[in-house]
Amino acid sequence: MLRRAHGFGRGFGRGFSLIELLVVLMIVAIATAGVGLALRDPTQAQLDREAERLVALLESARAEARAAGLVVSWQPTAKSADQHFSFQGLPAKLALPSQWLGQPPAVEIEGGANALVLGPEPLLHKQSLRLRLGEAQLRIGSDGLQAFAVLAEDAQPTR
């Protein structure tokens, strides 16, 4: 009669235990959740990048306006079929970008936003604008004292 090398009786060592199956199912569930979270809408991702870039540009222009005592404003402009933007009042040596990074179609400014005033006063009035790319949209703004930031969809700059 043949005996098993591990010393267990008959029936053991065949198949997988319940704990082993649960561990494998847990690993598969975590991997599936990770892949699902990693797949983002490319339009929303592009809009998020453009919004963060615009926030950084607005803060850069705001800092320059305060430092130099200049009246600086930001406004959307239309060039051909794409929408762009411009900074008015900055010195020529400080040329900030004036177009969106992404491929057409470009980001649109919803609601016909007027110019944003960026300085030179340290306390400005509450300002915000809505950016749109396809179906994706988000709002950026400032309460006048704090830096410009991407706002939650239902948030408004506080007073």
Protein backbone atom coordinates (compact mmCIF):
# COMPACT_ATOMS: atom_id res chain seq x y z
CA MET A 1 0.00 0.00 0.00
CA LEU A 2 1.30 3.45 -0.95
CA ARG A 3 1.43 6.16 1.62
CA ARG A 4 1.40 9.85 0.91
CA ALA A 5 4.62 11.73 1.51
CA HIS A 6 3.01 14.44 3.62
CA GLY A 7 1.60 12.01 6.10
CA PHE A 8 -2.08 12.90 5.84
CA GLY A 9 -4.78 10.32 5.43
CA ARG A 10 -6.88 9.65 2.39
CA GLY A 11 -8.75 12.58 0.78
CA PHE A 12 -6.43 15.34 1.89
CA GLY A 13 -4.26 17.21 -0.60
CA ARG A 14 -6.75 17.10 -3.43
CA GLY A 15 -8.19 20.43 -4.62
CA PHE A 16 -8.11 23.74 -2.76
CA SER A 17 -9.31 24.68 0.68
CA LEU A 18 -12.08 27.23 1.17
CA ILE A 19 -9.62 29.77 2.54
CA GLU A 20 -7.40 29.47 -0.54
CA LEU A 21 -10.38 30.04 -2.83
CA LEU A 22 -11.47 33.08 -0.82
CA VAL A 23 -7.98 34.56 -0.99
CA VAL A 24 -7.88 34.14 -4.77
CA LEU A 25 -11.34 35.69 -5.13
CA MET A 26 -10.27 38.62 -2.95
CA ILE A 27 -7.18 39.22 -5.12
CA VAL A 28 -9.28 39.12 -8.29
CA ALA A 29 -11.80 41.57 -6.76
CA ILE A 30 -9.06 44.02 -5.76
CA ALA A 31 -7.43 43.81 -9.20
CA THR A 32 -10.78 44.38 -10.92
CA ALA A 33 -11.53 47.40 -8.73
CA GLY A 34 -8.07 48.82 -9.44
CA VAL A 35 -8.53 48.50 -13.19
CA GLY A 36 -11.99 50.05 -12.98
CA LEU A 37 -10.68 53.06 -11.07
CA ALA A 38 -7.70 53.45 -13.39
CA LEU A 39 -9.93 53.77 -16.46
CA ARG A 40 -11.03 57.40 -16.55
CA ASP A 41 -12.94 59.34 -19.10
CA PRO A 42 -10.24 60.93 -21.31
CA THR A 43 -12.38 64.04 -21.81
CA GLN A 44 -12.74 64.57 -18.06
CA ALA A 45 -9.03 63.92 -17.53
CA GLN A 46 -8.14 66.51 -20.20
CA LEU A 47 -10.51 69.04 -18.65
CA ASP A 48 -8.99 68.42 -15.20
CA ARG A 49 -5.49 69.05 -16.60
CA GLU A 50 -6.60 72.21 -18.39
CA ALA A 51 -8.35 73.52 -15.26
CA GLU A 52 -5.30 72.91 -13.06
CA ARG A 53 -3.10 74.60 -15.64
CA LEU A 54 -5.42 77.62 -15.86
CA VAL A 55 -5.49 77.89 -12.06
CA ALA A 56 -1.68 77.94 -12.02
CA LEU A 57 -1.56 80.58 -14.77
CA LEU A 58 -4.11 82.75 -12.98
CA GLU A 59 -2.15 82.57 -9.75
CA SER A 60 1.10 83.36 -11.56
CA ALA A 61 -0.44 86.43 -13.19
CA ARG A 62 -2.03 87.43 -9.87
CA ALA A 63 1.34 87.24 -8.10
CA GLU A 64 3.00 89.32 -10.83
CA ALA A 65 0.20 91.91 -10.65
CA ARG A 66 0.64 92.27 -6.89
CA ALA A 67 4.44 92.39 -7.06
CA ALA A 68 4.58 94.97 -9.87
CA GLY A 69 1.46 96.94 -8.88
CA LEU A 70 -0.15 96.32 -12.29
CA VAL A 71 -3.80 96.03 -13.19
CA VAL A 72 -3.95 92.58 -14.80
CA SER A 73 -6.99 90.80 -16.16
CA TRP A 74 -7.74 87.48 -17.83
CA GLN A 75 -10.32 87.13 -20.56
CA PRO A 76 -11.40 84.48 -23.02
CA THR A 77 -10.90 85.28 -26.69
CA ALA A 78 -11.98 83.54 -29.87
CA LYS A 79 -9.34 82.76 -32.48
CA SER A 80 -10.65 80.95 -35.57
CA ALA A 81 -12.75 77.99 -34.46
CA ASP A 82 -10.99 77.47 -31.12
CA GLN A 83 -11.38 79.50 -27.97
CA HIS A 84 -8.27 80.84 -26.35
CA PHE A 85 -7.58 83.32 -23.57
CA SER A 86 -5.32 86.29 -22.92
CA PHE A 87 -3.75 88.15 -20.03
CA GLN A 88 -4.07 91.92 -20.32
CA GLY A 89 -1.73 94.28 -18.48
CA LEU A 90 1.31 92.02 -18.04
CA PRO A 91 4.70 93.25 -19.21
CA ALA A 92 5.96 91.83 -22.50
CA LYS A 93 8.83 90.02 -20.76
CA LEU A 94 6.29 87.87 -18.90
CA ALA A 95 4.49 86.14 -21.73
CA LEU A 96 2.06 83.61 -20.29
CA PRO A 97 0.48 80.97 -22.56
CA SER A 98 -2.74 81.98 -24.28
CA GLN A 99 -4.15 78.68 -25.55
CA TRP A 100 -5.33 75.34 -24.25
CA LEU A 101 -2.98 72.37 -24.35
CA GLY A 102 -5.38 69.71 -25.59
CA GLN A 103 -6.24 68.80 -29.13
CA PRO A 104 -9.37 70.37 -30.66
CA PRO A 105 -12.08 70.77 -29.66
CA ALA A 106 -10.77 73.28 -27.17
CA VAL A 107 -12.12 74.01 -23.72
CA GLU A 108 -15.07 76.38 -23.78
CA ILE A 109 -15.87 79.04 -21.22
CA GLU A 110 -19.52 78.58 -20.42
CA GLY A 111 -21.86 81.48 -19.85
CA GLY A 112 -19.84 84.14 -21.67
CA ALA A 113 -17.59 84.87 -18.70
CA ASN A 114 -16.28 88.38 -18.44
CA ALA A 115 -12.70 89.20 -17.66
CA LEU A 116 -11.28 88.07 -14.33
CA VAL A 117 -9.47 90.84 -12.46
CA LEU A 118 -6.20 89.55 -10.99
CA GLY A 119 -4.65 92.54 -9.26
CA PRO A 120 -2.94 94.62 -8.01
CA GLU A 121 -5.14 94.76 -4.88
CA PRO A 122 -4.59 91.91 -2.44
CA LEU A 123 -8.35 91.59 -1.84
CA LEU A 124 -10.48 91.14 -4.96
CA HIS A 125 -14.15 90.45 -5.46
CA LYS A 126 -15.48 86.88 -5.66
CA GLN A 127 -14.90 85.43 -9.15
CA SER A 128 -15.55 82.10 -10.85
CA LEU A 129 -16.06 80.60 -14.27
CA ARG A 130 -17.23 77.28 -15.67
CA LEU A 131 -15.07 75.30 -18.09
CA ARG A 132 -16.61 72.83 -20.47
CA LEU A 133 -15.17 70.16 -22.76
CA GLY A 134 -17.77 68.02 -24.47
CA GLU A 135 -20.13 66.83 -21.75
CA ALA A 136 -17.57 67.30 -18.97
CA GLN A 137 -17.61 70.54 -17.03
CA LEU A 138 -16.19 72.02 -13.86
CA ARG A 139 -15.89 75.35 -12.12
CA ILE A 140 -12.82 77.26 -10.99
CA GLY A 141 -12.92 80.30 -8.77
CA SER A 142 -11.65 82.38 -5.88
CA ASP A 143 -13.34 84.17 -3.04
CA GLY A 144 -11.02 87.14 -3.63
CA LEU A 145 -8.67 86.43 -0.77
CA GLN A 146 -7.72 82.79 -1.34
CA ALA A 147 -6.01 81.40 -4.40
CA PHE A 148 -7.95 80.27 -7.45
CA ALA A 149 -8.86 76.58 -7.25
CA VAL A 150 -11.02 73.95 -8.88
CA LEU A 151 -14.33 74.04 -7.00
CA ALA A 152 -16.71 71.23 -6.21
CA GLU A 153 -19.64 71.19 -8.63
CA ASP A 154 -22.12 72.58 -6.10
CA ALA A 155 -19.65 74.95 -4.39
CA GLN A 156 -19.47 78.67 -4.88
CA PRO A 157 -16.59 80.84 -3.68
CA THR A 158 -17.35 81.85 -0.10
CA ARG A 159 -17.81 85.45 0.97
